[in-house]
Amino acid sequence: RLKVENRMLREAKKFENKLDWDKARRLYERVASSKYRRGRAQLGLAKLAFETKQIDEAIRYANNALSAGGGDAARMQLGHAYFQERDYGRASK
């Protein structure tokens, strides 16, 4: 199952790089509901939401990624989203 999730994350990233947000989102959502790579998938969803100017969603997904073990990358994405919202106090944490 882990190999399948890794493959789906690679495919999602390819679609993200091609700016095909819908296909990337569908793959990230499938992995986000899985067992092993939830944090990476939530981070991918946060990035997509940020890129499509859905900042509230980006904050929600980045927080989910942090809770699922997304680490520094999730923290950075959350900071970018808060900065975009002009919430500089939270952005700097």
N, C-alpha and C. Protein backbone atom coordinates (compact mmCIF):
# COMPACT_ATOMS: atom_id res chain seq x y z
N ARG A 1 0.81 -1.21 0.00
CA ARG A 1 0.00 0.00 0.00
C ARG A 1 0.85 1.27 0.00
N LEU A 2 1.97 1.22 0.72
CA LEU A 2 2.87 2.36 0.78
C LEU A 2 3.42 2.72 -0.61
N LYS A 3 3.76 1.70 -1.39
CA LYS A 3 4.27 1.96 -2.74
C LYS A 3 3.22 2.65 -3.60
N VAL A 4 1.98 2.24 -3.45
CA VAL A 4 0.88 2.85 -4.21
C VAL A 4 0.73 4.32 -3.82
N GLU A 5 0.78 4.59 -2.53
CA GLU A 5 0.65 5.97 -2.07
C GLU A 5 1.81 6.83 -2.57
N ASN A 6 3.01 6.30 -2.54
CA ASN A 6 4.17 7.05 -3.04
C ASN A 6 4.03 7.35 -4.53
N ARG A 7 3.55 6.36 -5.28
CA ARG A 7 3.34 6.56 -6.72
C ARG A 7 2.29 7.64 -6.96
N MET A 8 1.21 7.60 -6.19
CA MET A 8 0.15 8.60 -6.34
C MET A 8 0.66 10.00 -5.99
N LEU A 9 1.50 10.11 -4.97
CA LEU A 9 2.08 11.41 -4.62
C LEU A 9 2.98 11.93 -5.73
N ARG A 10 3.76 11.05 -6.35
CA ARG A 10 4.61 11.47 -7.48
C ARG A 10 3.76 11.96 -8.65
N GLU A 11 2.69 11.23 -8.93
CA GLU A 11 1.79 11.63 -10.02
C GLU A 11 1.13 12.97 -9.70
N ALA A 12 0.69 13.13 -8.47
CA ALA A 12 0.04 14.38 -8.06
C ALA A 12 1.01 15.55 -8.25
N LYS A 13 2.27 15.35 -7.86
CA LYS A 13 3.28 16.40 -8.01
C LYS A 13 3.50 16.75 -9.47
N LYS A 14 3.48 15.74 -10.35
CA LYS A 14 3.62 16.01 -11.78
C LYS A 14 2.47 16.88 -12.29
N PHE A 15 1.24 16.54 -11.87
CA PHE A 15 0.10 17.35 -12.28
C PHE A 15 0.19 18.75 -11.69
N GLU A 16 0.65 18.85 -10.46
CA GLU A 16 0.82 20.16 -9.82
C GLU A 16 1.82 21.00 -10.62
N ASN A 17 2.93 20.39 -11.03
CA ASN A 17 3.93 21.11 -11.82
C ASN A 17 3.40 21.56 -13.17
N LYS A 18 2.42 20.82 -13.71
CA LYS A 18 1.80 21.19 -14.98
C LYS A 18 0.62 22.15 -14.78
N LEU A 19 0.39 22.55 -13.53
CA LEU A 19 -0.72 23.43 -13.15
C LEU A 19 -2.08 22.80 -13.41
N ASP A 20 -2.13 21.49 -13.41
CA ASP A 20 -3.40 20.77 -13.56
C ASP A 20 -3.92 20.49 -12.15
N TRP A 21 -4.50 21.54 -11.56
CA TRP A 21 -4.89 21.52 -10.16
C TRP A 21 -5.91 20.44 -9.84
N ASP A 22 -6.89 20.24 -10.72
CA ASP A 22 -7.95 19.27 -10.44
C ASP A 22 -7.42 17.84 -10.33
N LYS A 23 -6.57 17.44 -11.27
CA LYS A 23 -6.03 16.08 -11.23
C LYS A 23 -5.11 15.91 -10.01
N ALA A 24 -4.31 16.92 -9.74
CA ALA A 24 -3.43 16.85 -8.58
C ALA A 24 -4.25 16.75 -7.29
N ARG A 25 -5.29 17.56 -7.20
CA ARG A 25 -6.14 17.57 -6.00
C ARG A 25 -6.79 16.20 -5.77
N ARG A 26 -7.30 15.60 -6.83
CA ARG A 26 -7.94 14.29 -6.68
C ARG A 26 -6.97 13.25 -6.12
N LEU A 27 -5.74 13.26 -6.62
CA LEU A 27 -4.75 12.30 -6.13
C LEU A 27 -4.34 12.60 -4.69
N TYR A 28 -4.10 13.87 -4.39
CA TYR A 28 -3.75 14.23 -3.02
C TYR A 28 -4.88 13.86 -2.05
N GLU A 29 -6.11 14.08 -2.45
CA GLU A 29 -7.24 13.74 -1.58
C GLU A 29 -7.32 12.24 -1.31
N ARG A 30 -7.03 11.45 -2.32
CA ARG A 30 -7.05 9.98 -2.12
C ARG A 30 -5.99 9.57 -1.11
N VAL A 31 -4.80 10.13 -1.24
CA VAL A 31 -3.73 9.78 -0.31
C VAL A 31 -3.99 10.36 1.07
N ALA A 32 -4.61 11.53 1.14
CA ALA A 32 -4.89 12.17 2.43
C ALA A 32 -5.80 11.33 3.30
N SER A 33 -6.60 10.49 2.70
CA SER A 33 -7.49 9.63 3.48
C SER A 33 -6.88 8.26 3.75
N SER A 34 -5.60 8.11 3.41
CA SER A 34 -4.93 6.82 3.57
C SER A 34 -4.20 6.75 4.91
N LYS A 35 -3.46 5.70 5.07
CA LYS A 35 -2.81 5.42 6.35
C LYS A 35 -1.41 6.00 6.48
N TYR A 36 -0.62 5.95 5.41
CA TYR A 36 0.81 6.19 5.55
C TYR A 36 1.30 7.58 5.19
N ARG A 37 0.83 8.17 4.15
CA ARG A 37 1.38 9.43 3.64
C ARG A 37 0.41 10.61 3.79
N ARG A 38 -0.39 10.56 4.82
CA ARG A 38 -1.39 11.61 5.05
C ARG A 38 -0.76 13.00 5.12
N GLY A 39 0.34 13.13 5.86
CA GLY A 39 0.97 14.44 6.03
C GLY A 39 1.42 15.04 4.71
N ARG A 40 2.07 14.23 3.88
CA ARG A 40 2.54 14.73 2.58
C ARG A 40 1.37 15.11 1.69
N ALA A 41 0.30 14.34 1.75
CA ALA A 41 -0.87 14.64 0.92
C ALA A 41 -1.55 15.93 1.39
N GLN A 42 -1.67 16.09 2.71
CA GLN A 42 -2.27 17.32 3.25
C GLN A 42 -1.41 18.53 2.88
N LEU A 43 -0.10 18.35 2.89
CA LEU A 43 0.80 19.43 2.48
C LEU A 43 0.58 19.77 1.00
N GLY A 44 0.44 18.76 0.17
CA GLY A 44 0.15 19.00 -1.25
C GLY A 44 -1.15 19.76 -1.43
N LEU A 45 -2.17 19.39 -0.67
CA LEU A 45 -3.45 20.10 -0.75
C LEU A 45 -3.30 21.55 -0.27
N ALA A 46 -2.47 21.77 0.75
CA ALA A 46 -2.24 23.13 1.24
C ALA A 46 -1.57 23.97 0.16
N LYS A 47 -0.60 23.39 -0.53
CA LYS A 47 0.09 24.12 -1.61
C LYS A 47 -0.87 24.45 -2.74
N LEU A 48 -1.71 23.49 -3.11
CA LEU A 48 -2.68 23.75 -4.18
C LEU A 48 -3.64 24.86 -3.78
N ALA A 49 -4.13 24.80 -2.56
CA ALA A 49 -5.06 25.83 -2.10
C ALA A 49 -4.38 27.19 -2.11
N PHE A 50 -3.14 27.25 -1.68
CA PHE A 50 -2.40 28.51 -1.67
C PHE A 50 -2.23 29.04 -3.09
N GLU A 51 -1.85 28.17 -4.01
CA GLU A 51 -1.63 28.58 -5.40
C GLU A 51 -2.92 29.05 -6.08
N THR A 52 -4.04 28.54 -5.64
CA THR A 52 -5.32 28.93 -6.25
C THR A 52 -6.04 29.98 -5.40
N LYS A 53 -5.28 30.61 -4.49
CA LYS A 53 -5.77 31.74 -3.69
C LYS A 53 -6.91 31.38 -2.74
N GLN A 54 -6.95 30.14 -2.30
CA GLN A 54 -7.92 29.69 -1.30
C GLN A 54 -7.19 29.61 0.04
N ILE A 55 -6.92 30.77 0.60
CA ILE A 55 -6.00 30.86 1.73
C ILE A 55 -6.57 30.20 2.99
N ASP A 56 -7.85 30.34 3.24
CA ASP A 56 -8.44 29.66 4.41
C ASP A 56 -8.26 28.14 4.30
N GLU A 57 -8.45 27.62 3.10
CA GLU A 57 -8.25 26.18 2.88
C GLU A 57 -6.77 25.82 3.04
N ALA A 58 -5.89 26.68 2.56
CA ALA A 58 -4.46 26.42 2.69
C ALA A 58 -4.06 26.33 4.16
N ILE A 59 -4.62 27.21 4.99
CA ILE A 59 -4.34 27.18 6.42
C ILE A 59 -4.87 25.89 7.04
N ARG A 60 -6.07 25.51 6.68
CA ARG A 60 -6.66 24.28 7.23
C ARG A 60 -5.83 23.06 6.85
N TYR A 61 -5.48 22.95 5.56
CA TYR A 61 -4.69 21.79 5.12
C TYR A 61 -3.29 21.80 5.73
N ALA A 62 -2.67 22.96 5.86
CA ALA A 62 -1.33 23.02 6.45
C ALA A 62 -1.38 22.60 7.92
N ASN A 63 -2.42 23.02 8.63
CA ASN A 63 -2.58 22.57 10.02
C ASN A 63 -2.78 21.06 10.08
N ASN A 64 -3.58 20.54 9.15
CA ASN A 64 -3.77 19.08 9.08
C ASN A 64 -2.45 18.38 8.81
N ALA A 65 -1.65 18.95 7.92
CA ALA A 65 -0.35 18.36 7.59
C ALA A 65 0.55 18.35 8.82
N LEU A 66 0.53 19.44 9.58
CA LEU A 66 1.32 19.47 10.82
C LEU A 66 0.88 18.38 11.78
N SER A 67 -0.42 18.23 11.94
CA SER A 67 -0.95 17.21 12.84
C SER A 67 -0.60 15.80 12.38
N ALA A 68 -0.43 15.63 11.08
CA ALA A 68 -0.13 14.31 10.52
C ALA A 68 1.37 14.08 10.35
N GLY A 69 2.18 14.95 10.93
CA GLY A 69 3.63 14.76 10.87
C GLY A 69 4.31 15.42 9.70
N GLY A 70 3.72 16.50 9.17
CA GLY A 70 4.27 17.19 8.00
C GLY A 70 5.54 17.97 8.26
N GLY A 71 5.88 18.20 9.52
CA GLY A 71 7.14 18.82 9.90
C GLY A 71 7.36 20.23 9.40
N ASP A 72 8.63 20.54 9.13
CA ASP A 72 9.02 21.90 8.76
C ASP A 72 8.36 22.38 7.47
N ALA A 73 8.17 21.49 6.52
CA ALA A 73 7.55 21.89 5.25
C ALA A 73 6.12 22.37 5.50
N ALA A 74 5.40 21.68 6.36
CA ALA A 74 4.02 22.08 6.68
C ALA A 74 4.02 23.40 7.45
N ARG A 75 4.98 23.55 8.36
CA ARG A 75 5.09 24.79 9.13
C ARG A 75 5.38 25.97 8.21
N MET A 76 6.26 25.76 7.22
CA MET A 76 6.57 26.83 6.26
C MET A 76 5.35 27.19 5.43
N GLN A 77 4.62 26.18 4.96
CA GLN A 77 3.43 26.44 4.15
C GLN A 77 2.40 27.20 4.96
N LEU A 78 2.24 26.83 6.21
CA LEU A 78 1.31 27.53 7.10
C LEU A 78 1.74 28.98 7.27
N GLY A 79 3.03 29.21 7.45
CA GLY A 79 3.55 30.57 7.57
C GLY A 79 3.28 31.40 6.33
N HIS A 80 3.46 30.80 5.15
CA HIS A 80 3.17 31.52 3.90
C HIS A 80 1.70 31.92 3.82
N ALA A 81 0.84 31.01 4.22
CA ALA A 81 -0.60 31.29 4.16
C ALA A 81 -0.97 32.40 5.13
N TYR A 82 -0.45 32.34 6.36
CA TYR A 82 -0.73 33.42 7.32
C TYR A 82 -0.17 34.74 6.84
N PHE A 83 1.00 34.73 6.23
CA PHE A 83 1.57 35.95 5.69
C PHE A 83 0.66 36.54 4.61
N GLN A 84 0.14 35.68 3.75
CA GLN A 84 -0.78 36.13 2.70
C GLN A 84 -2.03 36.78 3.32
N GLU A 85 -2.45 36.27 4.46
CA GLU A 85 -3.61 36.82 5.18
C GLU A 85 -3.25 38.07 5.98
N ARG A 86 -1.97 38.44 5.94
CA ARG A 86 -1.43 39.56 6.69
C ARG A 86 -1.51 39.34 8.21
N ASP A 87 -1.49 38.09 8.60
CA ASP A 87 -1.45 37.72 10.01
C ASP A 87 0.02 37.45 10.34
N TYR A 88 0.77 38.54 10.48
CA TYR A 88 2.22 38.45 10.58
C TYR A 88 2.67 37.78 11.88
N GLY A 89 1.89 37.92 12.94
CA GLY A 89 2.25 37.28 14.20
C GLY A 89 2.27 35.77 14.05
N ARG A 90 1.25 35.21 13.46
CA ARG A 90 1.20 33.77 13.25
C ARG A 90 2.17 33.32 12.17
N ALA A 91 2.39 34.18 11.18
CA ALA A 91 3.29 33.82 10.07
C ALA A 91 4.71 33.63 10.56
N SER A 92 5.10 34.33 11.59
CA SER A 92 6.49 34.27 12.05
C SER A 92 6.74 33.13 13.03
N LYS A 93 5.72 32.40 13.43
CA LYS A 93 5.92 31.30 14.39
C LYS A 93 6.40 30.05 13.72
